[in-house]
Amino acid sequence: MWIDAAWSARGLAALHAMLDVDDHTRKAMIQFLFDEGFWDARRLTWDAAVSKWNDAKNPGKPGFWKIGELWALALRFERHHLFLAVMEDLGYEVRRTPTEERRQLLLERMTAAVESCEQTLNTARTELARLRLSTGPREVTSRAGDAAPLRFFRDDDASPVGF
């Protein structure tokens, strides 16, 4: 059996280690969930949010945590207990990427994003210029019957194929 009581207990212990914080941090975490739009302050009072926090630690309750909520809390508050337990269970060794290496990766992502934006802007500018040219006033220089027939050439013998 893949999932047994011991596996579930390890997961819940990691979840509780991640979320068992002092009152100040718990309040900050709940406020973060409101601020980031995970929880709706228009439909959830502060007292209800505290109750939801406590209920969410119980997988038997309908309001159990969503993966996005846990991921965001782990990232924002550096509470990686659950993530580390998952990686250990999957057989991965986890190491924190050194700050300079992370900085370089982020700079590379930013450079790629800027280059992509520049390319998109240049394409849009070109299309806009074409649009301006195609919608501007024109003089009619010939009539439909006056023009020579359109011709294409074959690659192999360069003989014209007319339409």
N, C-alpha and C. Protein backbone atom coordinates (compact mmCIF):
# COMPACT_ATOMS: atom_id res chain seq x y z
N MET A 1 0.86 -1.18 0.00
CA MET A 1 0.00 0.00 0.00
C MET A 1 0.90 1.24 0.00
N TRP A 2 0.59 2.17 -0.86
CA TRP A 2 1.40 3.39 -0.99
C TRP A 2 1.24 4.31 0.20
N ILE A 3 0.02 4.55 0.56
CA ILE A 3 -0.25 5.50 1.64
C ILE A 3 -0.71 4.71 2.86
N ASP A 4 0.08 4.85 3.93
CA ASP A 4 -0.30 4.17 5.16
C ASP A 4 -0.35 5.20 6.29
N ALA A 5 -0.67 4.73 7.49
CA ALA A 5 -0.82 5.64 8.63
C ALA A 5 0.49 6.36 8.96
N ALA A 6 1.61 5.66 8.84
CA ALA A 6 2.90 6.28 9.15
C ALA A 6 3.22 7.40 8.16
N TRP A 7 2.92 7.15 6.87
CA TRP A 7 3.16 8.16 5.84
C TRP A 7 2.31 9.40 6.12
N SER A 8 1.04 9.19 6.42
CA SER A 8 0.14 10.31 6.73
C SER A 8 0.61 11.05 7.97
N ALA A 9 1.05 10.32 8.98
CA ALA A 9 1.53 10.96 10.21
C ALA A 9 2.76 11.82 9.95
N ARG A 10 3.68 11.34 9.11
CA ARG A 10 4.87 12.14 8.77
C ARG A 10 4.47 13.42 8.04
N GLY A 11 3.53 13.31 7.13
CA GLY A 11 3.07 14.49 6.40
C GLY A 11 2.40 15.50 7.31
N LEU A 12 1.53 15.03 8.18
CA LEU A 12 0.85 15.93 9.11
C LEU A 12 1.83 16.56 10.09
N ALA A 13 2.82 15.79 10.54
CA ALA A 13 3.83 16.34 11.45
C ALA A 13 4.60 17.46 10.76
N ALA A 14 4.94 17.27 9.48
CA ALA A 14 5.65 18.32 8.74
C ALA A 14 4.76 19.54 8.54
N LEU A 15 3.49 19.31 8.25
CA LEU A 15 2.55 20.42 8.09
C LEU A 15 2.42 21.20 9.39
N HIS A 16 2.28 20.49 10.48
CA HIS A 16 2.15 21.17 11.78
C HIS A 16 3.43 21.90 12.14
N ALA A 17 4.59 21.33 11.83
CA ALA A 17 5.85 22.02 12.10
C ALA A 17 5.93 23.31 11.29
N MET A 18 5.41 23.28 10.08
CA MET A 18 5.41 24.47 9.23
C MET A 18 4.48 25.55 9.79
N LEU A 19 3.34 25.13 10.32
CA LEU A 19 2.30 26.09 10.69
C LEU A 19 2.22 26.39 12.19
N ASP A 20 2.90 25.63 13.01
CA ASP A 20 2.89 25.90 14.46
C ASP A 20 3.89 27.02 14.74
N VAL A 21 3.37 28.21 14.79
CA VAL A 21 4.20 29.41 14.96
C VAL A 21 3.64 30.22 16.13
N ASP A 22 4.40 31.23 16.55
CA ASP A 22 3.91 32.10 17.62
C ASP A 22 2.74 32.94 17.10
N ASP A 23 2.02 33.57 18.03
CA ASP A 23 0.81 34.34 17.67
C ASP A 23 1.11 35.46 16.68
N HIS A 24 2.22 36.15 16.87
CA HIS A 24 2.58 37.25 15.98
C HIS A 24 2.76 36.75 14.54
N THR A 25 3.50 35.65 14.38
CA THR A 25 3.74 35.10 13.04
C THR A 25 2.45 34.55 12.44
N ARG A 26 1.62 33.90 13.27
CA ARG A 26 0.34 33.38 12.77
C ARG A 26 -0.53 34.52 12.24
N LYS A 27 -0.58 35.63 12.98
CA LYS A 27 -1.35 36.79 12.51
C LYS A 27 -0.79 37.32 11.21
N ALA A 28 0.53 37.40 11.11
CA ALA A 28 1.16 37.87 9.88
C ALA A 28 0.86 36.92 8.71
N MET A 29 0.84 35.63 8.98
CA MET A 29 0.55 34.65 7.93
C MET A 29 -0.90 34.76 7.47
N ILE A 30 -1.81 34.93 8.40
CA ILE A 30 -3.22 35.09 8.03
C ILE A 30 -3.41 36.38 7.23
N GLN A 31 -2.78 37.46 7.68
CA GLN A 31 -2.88 38.73 6.96
C GLN A 31 -2.32 38.58 5.55
N PHE A 32 -1.22 37.85 5.42
CA PHE A 32 -0.62 37.58 4.11
C PHE A 32 -1.62 36.85 3.20
N LEU A 33 -2.32 35.87 3.74
CA LEU A 33 -3.32 35.14 2.94
C LEU A 33 -4.44 36.07 2.48
N PHE A 34 -4.81 37.03 3.31
CA PHE A 34 -5.79 38.04 2.90
C PHE A 34 -5.19 38.95 1.83
N ASP A 35 -4.01 39.47 2.11
CA ASP A 35 -3.38 40.45 1.21
C ASP A 35 -3.13 39.89 -0.18
N GLU A 36 -2.77 38.61 -0.24
CA GLU A 36 -2.44 38.01 -1.53
C GLU A 36 -3.65 37.41 -2.24
N GLY A 37 -4.83 37.54 -1.64
CA GLY A 37 -6.05 37.10 -2.30
C GLY A 37 -6.38 35.63 -2.14
N PHE A 38 -5.65 34.92 -1.30
CA PHE A 38 -6.00 33.52 -1.05
C PHE A 38 -7.30 33.44 -0.25
N TRP A 39 -7.44 34.35 0.71
CA TRP A 39 -8.65 34.40 1.52
C TRP A 39 -9.32 35.74 1.27
N ASP A 40 -10.63 35.75 1.21
CA ASP A 40 -11.41 36.94 0.88
C ASP A 40 -11.88 37.66 2.15
N ALA A 41 -11.34 38.84 2.39
CA ALA A 41 -11.67 39.60 3.60
C ALA A 41 -13.12 40.09 3.60
N ARG A 42 -13.76 40.14 2.42
CA ARG A 42 -15.16 40.56 2.37
C ARG A 42 -16.09 39.47 2.88
N ARG A 43 -15.65 38.22 2.79
CA ARG A 43 -16.51 37.11 3.21
C ARG A 43 -16.01 36.41 4.47
N LEU A 44 -14.85 36.83 4.98
CA LEU A 44 -14.26 36.13 6.11
C LEU A 44 -13.79 37.16 7.14
N THR A 45 -14.38 37.13 8.32
CA THR A 45 -13.95 38.03 9.39
C THR A 45 -12.62 37.53 9.94
N TRP A 46 -12.00 38.37 10.76
CA TRP A 46 -10.72 37.97 11.34
C TRP A 46 -10.90 36.73 12.23
N ASP A 47 -11.92 36.72 13.07
CA ASP A 47 -12.15 35.56 13.95
C ASP A 47 -12.42 34.30 13.14
N ALA A 48 -13.16 34.44 12.06
CA ALA A 48 -13.43 33.30 11.19
C ALA A 48 -12.15 32.83 10.51
N ALA A 49 -11.27 33.77 10.20
CA ALA A 49 -9.99 33.41 9.58
C ALA A 49 -9.12 32.62 10.55
N VAL A 50 -9.11 33.01 11.81
CA VAL A 50 -8.35 32.28 12.82
C VAL A 50 -8.92 30.87 12.97
N SER A 51 -10.24 30.75 12.97
CA SER A 51 -10.87 29.42 13.04
C SER A 51 -10.53 28.60 11.80
N LYS A 52 -10.56 29.25 10.65
CA LYS A 52 -10.21 28.55 9.41
C LYS A 52 -8.76 28.07 9.46
N TRP A 53 -7.87 28.90 9.99
CA TRP A 53 -6.46 28.53 10.15
C TRP A 53 -6.34 27.24 10.96
N ASN A 54 -7.04 27.22 12.08
CA ASN A 54 -6.97 26.04 12.95
C ASN A 54 -7.63 24.82 12.29
N ASP A 55 -8.76 25.01 11.63
CA ASP A 55 -9.45 23.90 10.96
C ASP A 55 -8.63 23.36 9.79
N ALA A 56 -7.91 24.25 9.13
CA ALA A 56 -7.17 23.85 7.94
C ALA A 56 -6.02 22.89 8.27
N LYS A 57 -5.65 22.82 9.52
CA LYS A 57 -4.59 21.88 9.92
C LYS A 57 -5.11 20.45 10.03
N ASN A 58 -6.41 20.28 9.92
CA ASN A 58 -7.02 18.98 10.06
C ASN A 58 -7.48 18.49 8.68
N PRO A 59 -6.85 17.45 8.15
CA PRO A 59 -7.22 17.00 6.80
C PRO A 59 -8.65 16.48 6.70
N GLY A 60 -9.28 16.21 7.82
CA GLY A 60 -10.66 15.74 7.81
C GLY A 60 -11.67 16.87 7.64
N LYS A 61 -11.22 18.11 7.78
CA LYS A 61 -12.12 19.27 7.66
C LYS A 61 -12.22 19.68 6.19
N PRO A 62 -13.37 20.23 5.81
CA PRO A 62 -13.54 20.62 4.40
C PRO A 62 -12.64 21.77 3.96
N GLY A 63 -12.16 22.58 4.89
CA GLY A 63 -11.32 23.73 4.52
C GLY A 63 -9.84 23.45 4.60
N PHE A 64 -9.44 22.18 4.38
CA PHE A 64 -8.02 21.83 4.45
C PHE A 64 -7.23 22.67 3.46
N TRP A 65 -5.96 22.85 3.73
CA TRP A 65 -5.11 23.75 2.94
C TRP A 65 -5.10 23.41 1.46
N LYS A 66 -5.00 24.45 0.66
CA LYS A 66 -4.77 24.31 -0.78
C LYS A 66 -3.27 24.41 -1.00
N ILE A 67 -2.79 23.75 -2.03
CA ILE A 67 -1.35 23.72 -2.29
C ILE A 67 -0.78 25.12 -2.49
N GLY A 68 -1.52 26.00 -3.15
CA GLY A 68 -1.03 27.36 -3.38
C GLY A 68 -0.85 28.13 -2.08
N GLU A 69 -1.76 27.93 -1.15
CA GLU A 69 -1.66 28.60 0.14
C GLU A 69 -0.40 28.15 0.87
N LEU A 70 -0.19 26.84 0.90
CA LEU A 70 0.98 26.30 1.60
C LEU A 70 2.29 26.74 0.94
N TRP A 71 2.29 26.70 -0.37
CA TRP A 71 3.50 27.08 -1.12
C TRP A 71 3.83 28.55 -0.86
N ALA A 72 2.82 29.40 -0.93
CA ALA A 72 3.04 30.83 -0.71
C ALA A 72 3.51 31.11 0.72
N LEU A 73 2.91 30.45 1.69
CA LEU A 73 3.34 30.63 3.08
C LEU A 73 4.77 30.15 3.28
N ALA A 74 5.10 29.00 2.70
CA ALA A 74 6.47 28.48 2.82
C ALA A 74 7.48 29.45 2.24
N LEU A 75 7.14 30.01 1.08
CA LEU A 75 8.04 30.95 0.42
C LEU A 75 8.18 32.25 1.20
N ARG A 76 7.06 32.83 1.57
CA ARG A 76 7.07 34.14 2.23
C ARG A 76 7.66 34.09 3.64
N PHE A 77 7.36 33.03 4.39
CA PHE A 77 7.77 32.97 5.79
C PHE A 77 8.91 31.99 6.05
N GLU A 78 9.47 31.45 4.97
CA GLU A 78 10.59 30.51 5.06
C GLU A 78 10.29 29.37 6.03
N ARG A 79 9.12 28.80 5.87
CA ARG A 79 8.68 27.66 6.68
C ARG A 79 8.63 26.45 5.73
N HIS A 80 9.75 25.78 5.54
CA HIS A 80 9.90 24.78 4.49
C HIS A 80 9.70 23.34 4.96
N HIS A 81 9.19 23.16 6.14
CA HIS A 81 9.09 21.83 6.74
C HIS A 81 8.35 20.83 5.84
N LEU A 82 7.20 21.22 5.34
CA LEU A 82 6.41 20.31 4.52
C LEU A 82 7.12 20.00 3.20
N PHE A 83 7.67 21.02 2.57
CA PHE A 83 8.40 20.85 1.33
C PHE A 83 9.58 19.88 1.53
N LEU A 84 10.33 20.08 2.58
CA LEU A 84 11.48 19.21 2.84
C LEU A 84 11.04 17.77 3.09
N ALA A 85 9.93 17.59 3.79
CA ALA A 85 9.41 16.24 4.03
C ALA A 85 8.99 15.57 2.72
N VAL A 86 8.36 16.33 1.84
CA VAL A 86 7.95 15.79 0.54
C VAL A 86 9.19 15.38 -0.26
N MET A 87 10.19 16.24 -0.30
CA MET A 87 11.41 15.93 -1.06
C MET A 87 12.12 14.71 -0.49
N GLU A 88 12.18 14.61 0.83
CA GLU A 88 12.80 13.44 1.46
C GLU A 88 12.03 12.17 1.10
N ASP A 89 10.71 12.24 1.14
CA ASP A 89 9.88 11.10 0.81
C ASP A 89 10.07 10.67 -0.64
N LEU A 90 10.31 11.65 -1.52
CA LEU A 90 10.52 11.34 -2.94
C LEU A 90 11.94 10.93 -3.25
N GLY A 91 12.83 11.03 -2.25
CA GLY A 91 14.20 10.58 -2.45
C GLY A 91 15.15 11.64 -2.96
N TYR A 92 14.81 12.90 -2.78
CA TYR A 92 15.68 13.98 -3.25
C TYR A 92 16.51 14.55 -2.12
N GLU A 93 17.72 14.93 -2.46
CA GLU A 93 18.54 15.70 -1.54
C GLU A 93 18.30 17.16 -1.86
N VAL A 94 18.04 17.92 -0.85
CA VAL A 94 17.72 19.33 -1.06
C VAL A 94 18.84 20.19 -0.49
N ARG A 95 19.29 21.14 -1.28
CA ARG A 95 20.26 22.11 -0.79
C ARG A 95 19.81 23.49 -1.22
N ARG A 96 20.06 24.45 -0.41
CA ARG A 96 19.71 25.82 -0.75
C ARG A 96 20.72 26.33 -1.76
N THR A 97 20.21 26.93 -2.83
CA THR A 97 21.08 27.51 -3.84
C THR A 97 21.76 28.73 -3.26
N PRO A 98 23.09 28.83 -3.41
CA PRO A 98 23.79 30.00 -2.86
C PRO A 98 23.22 31.31 -3.43
N THR A 99 23.27 32.35 -2.64
CA THR A 99 22.67 33.64 -3.00
C THR A 99 23.20 34.16 -4.32
N GLU A 100 24.49 34.10 -4.54
CA GLU A 100 25.06 34.63 -5.79
C GLU A 100 24.57 33.84 -7.00
N GLU A 101 24.47 32.53 -6.85
CA GLU A 101 23.97 31.70 -7.95
C GLU A 101 22.50 32.03 -8.24
N ARG A 102 21.69 32.20 -7.20
CA ARG A 102 20.29 32.59 -7.39
C ARG A 102 20.20 33.95 -8.05
N ARG A 103 21.07 34.89 -7.62
CA ARG A 103 21.08 36.24 -8.21
C ARG A 103 21.38 36.16 -9.69
N GLN A 104 22.36 35.35 -10.08
CA GLN A 104 22.72 35.21 -11.49
C GLN A 104 21.56 34.60 -12.28
N LEU A 105 20.90 33.60 -11.72
CA LEU A 105 19.75 32.99 -12.40
C LEU A 105 18.62 34.01 -12.59
N LEU A 106 18.37 34.82 -11.57
CA LEU A 106 17.33 35.84 -11.67
C LEU A 106 17.70 36.89 -12.71
N LEU A 107 18.97 37.29 -12.75
CA LEU A 107 19.41 38.26 -13.76
C LEU A 107 19.26 37.69 -15.17
N GLU A 108 19.56 36.41 -15.33
CA GLU A 108 19.38 35.76 -16.64
C GLU A 108 17.91 35.74 -17.04
N ARG A 109 17.03 35.44 -16.08
CA ARG A 109 15.58 35.45 -16.36
C ARG A 109 15.13 36.84 -16.75
N MET A 110 15.64 37.85 -16.04
CA MET A 110 15.26 39.24 -16.36
C MET A 110 15.75 39.62 -17.75
N THR A 111 16.98 39.24 -18.09
CA THR A 111 17.52 39.55 -19.41
C THR A 111 16.68 38.90 -20.50
N ALA A 112 16.33 37.64 -20.31
CA ALA A 112 15.50 36.94 -21.30
C ALA A 112 14.13 37.61 -21.43
N ALA A 113 13.56 38.03 -20.30
CA ALA A 113 12.25 38.70 -20.33
C ALA A 113 12.34 40.03 -21.07
N VAL A 114 13.40 40.79 -20.82
CA VAL A 114 13.57 42.08 -21.49
C VAL A 114 13.74 41.86 -22.99
N GLU A 115 14.55 40.88 -23.37
CA GLU A 115 14.75 40.59 -24.79
C GLU A 115 13.43 40.17 -25.45
N SER A 116 12.66 39.38 -24.77
CA SER A 116 11.36 38.95 -25.30
C SER A 116 10.43 40.15 -25.45
N CYS A 117 10.42 41.03 -24.46
CA CYS A 117 9.59 42.24 -24.54
C CYS A 117 10.02 43.13 -25.70
N GLU A 118 11.34 43.28 -25.87
CA GLU A 118 11.84 44.10 -26.98
C GLU A 118 11.41 43.51 -28.32
N GLN A 119 11.51 42.21 -28.44
CA GLN A 119 11.10 41.55 -29.68
C GLN A 119 9.60 41.75 -29.94
N THR A 120 8.80 41.60 -28.90
CA THR A 120 7.35 41.80 -29.03
C THR A 120 7.04 43.24 -29.41
N LEU A 121 7.72 44.20 -28.77
CA LEU A 121 7.52 45.61 -29.10
C LEU A 121 7.91 45.91 -30.54
N ASN A 122 9.05 45.38 -30.98
CA ASN A 122 9.48 45.62 -32.36
C ASN A 122 8.50 45.03 -33.36
N THR A 123 7.99 43.85 -33.08
CA THR A 123 6.99 43.24 -33.96
C THR A 123 5.73 44.10 -34.01
N ALA A 124 5.28 44.56 -32.85
CA ALA A 124 4.09 45.40 -32.80
C ALA A 124 4.32 46.72 -33.53
N ARG A 125 5.51 47.31 -33.37
CA ARG A 125 5.82 48.57 -34.08
C ARG A 125 5.79 48.36 -35.59
N THR A 126 6.36 47.26 -36.04
CA THR A 126 6.38 46.95 -37.48
C THR A 126 4.95 46.77 -38.00
N GLU A 127 4.14 46.03 -37.26
CA GLU A 127 2.76 45.83 -37.68
C GLU A 127 1.98 47.13 -37.67
N LEU A 128 2.24 47.98 -36.70
CA LEU A 128 1.58 49.28 -36.63
C LEU A 128 1.99 50.15 -37.81
N ALA A 129 3.28 50.12 -38.16
CA ALA A 129 3.75 50.89 -39.31
C ALA A 129 3.08 50.40 -40.59
N ARG A 130 2.97 49.08 -40.74
CA ARG A 130 2.29 48.53 -41.91
C ARG A 130 0.83 48.95 -41.95
N LEU A 131 0.20 48.95 -40.79
CA LEU A 131 -1.20 49.35 -40.70
C LEU A 131 -1.36 50.81 -41.12
N ARG A 132 -0.46 51.66 -40.65
CA ARG A 132 -0.52 53.08 -41.04
C ARG A 132 -0.35 53.24 -42.54
N LEU A 133 0.58 52.48 -43.11
CA LEU A 133 0.81 52.56 -44.56
C LEU A 133 -0.39 52.05 -45.34
N SER A 134 -1.02 50.99 -44.84
CA SER A 134 -2.12 50.40 -45.60
C SER A 134 -3.41 51.19 -45.45
N THR A 135 -3.53 52.02 -44.44
CA THR A 135 -4.78 52.75 -44.26
C THR A 135 -4.67 54.22 -44.67
N GLY A 136 -3.47 54.63 -45.06
CA GLY A 136 -3.29 56.03 -45.46
C GLY A 136 -3.88 56.30 -46.83
N PRO A 137 -4.00 57.59 -47.21
CA PRO A 137 -4.55 57.92 -48.53
C PRO A 137 -3.62 57.44 -49.64
N ARG A 138 -4.23 56.97 -50.74
CA ARG A 138 -3.45 56.47 -51.87
C ARG A 138 -3.97 57.06 -53.16
N GLU A 139 -3.08 57.14 -54.09
CA GLU A 139 -3.49 57.54 -55.45
C GLU A 139 -3.66 56.27 -56.26
N VAL A 140 -4.67 56.24 -57.09
CA VAL A 140 -4.87 55.10 -57.97
C VAL A 140 -4.07 55.36 -59.22
N THR A 141 -3.09 54.48 -59.52
CA THR A 141 -2.22 54.71 -60.66
C THR A 141 -2.57 53.84 -61.86
N SER A 142 -3.29 52.75 -61.63
CA SER A 142 -3.67 51.92 -62.76
C SER A 142 -5.02 51.28 -62.46
N ARG A 143 -5.62 50.77 -63.51
CA ARG A 143 -6.89 50.08 -63.36
C ARG A 143 -6.63 48.58 -63.38
N ALA A 144 -7.60 47.83 -62.95
CA ALA A 144 -7.43 46.38 -62.84
C ALA A 144 -7.02 45.74 -64.16
N GLY A 145 -7.55 46.14 -65.26
CA GLY A 145 -7.23 45.52 -66.54
C GLY A 145 -5.92 45.98 -67.12
N ASP A 146 -5.33 47.07 -66.62
CA ASP A 146 -4.10 47.63 -67.18
C ASP A 146 -2.84 46.91 -66.70
N ALA A 147 -2.90 46.24 -65.58
CA ALA A 147 -1.71 45.64 -64.99
C ALA A 147 -1.32 44.37 -65.73
N ALA A 148 -0.01 44.07 -65.73
CA ALA A 148 0.49 42.83 -66.33
C ALA A 148 0.05 41.66 -65.44
N PRO A 149 -0.11 40.46 -66.04
CA PRO A 149 -0.52 39.32 -65.24
C PRO A 149 0.55 38.96 -64.20
N LEU A 150 0.12 38.46 -63.07
CA LEU A 150 1.01 38.05 -61.99
C LEU A 150 1.71 36.78 -62.40
N ARG A 151 3.03 36.72 -62.25
CA ARG A 151 3.80 35.55 -62.65
C ARG A 151 4.66 35.07 -61.48
N PHE A 152 4.77 33.74 -61.37
CA PHE A 152 5.65 33.11 -60.39
C PHE A 152 6.63 32.24 -61.16
N PHE A 153 7.79 32.00 -60.61
CA PHE A 153 8.80 31.19 -61.27
C PHE A 153 9.03 29.91 -60.48
N ARG A 154 9.24 28.82 -61.23
CA ARG A 154 9.59 27.55 -60.61
C ARG A 154 11.06 27.61 -60.22
N ASP A 155 11.40 26.96 -59.11
CA ASP A 155 12.80 26.98 -58.65
C ASP A 155 13.72 26.24 -59.60
N ASP A 156 13.25 25.15 -60.19
CA ASP A 156 14.15 24.30 -60.96
C ASP A 156 14.54 24.88 -62.31
N ASP A 157 13.64 25.57 -63.04
CA ASP A 157 13.99 26.03 -64.37
C ASP A 157 13.74 27.52 -64.57
N ALA A 158 13.26 28.20 -63.59
CA ALA A 158 13.00 29.63 -63.63
C ALA A 158 12.11 30.02 -64.79
N SER A 159 11.26 29.09 -65.25
CA SER A 159 10.32 29.46 -66.30
C SER A 159 9.05 30.00 -65.65
N PRO A 160 8.48 31.05 -66.21
CA PRO A 160 7.34 31.67 -65.59
C PRO A 160 6.09 30.79 -65.65
N VAL A 161 5.31 30.88 -64.61
CA VAL A 161 4.01 30.25 -64.56
C VAL A 161 3.02 31.37 -64.38
N GLY A 162 2.20 31.64 -65.33
CA GLY A 162 1.29 32.78 -65.28
C GLY A 162 -0.07 32.44 -64.72
N PHE A 163 -0.76 33.45 -64.25
CA PHE A 163 -2.13 33.31 -63.77
C PHE A 163 -3.03 34.19 -64.57
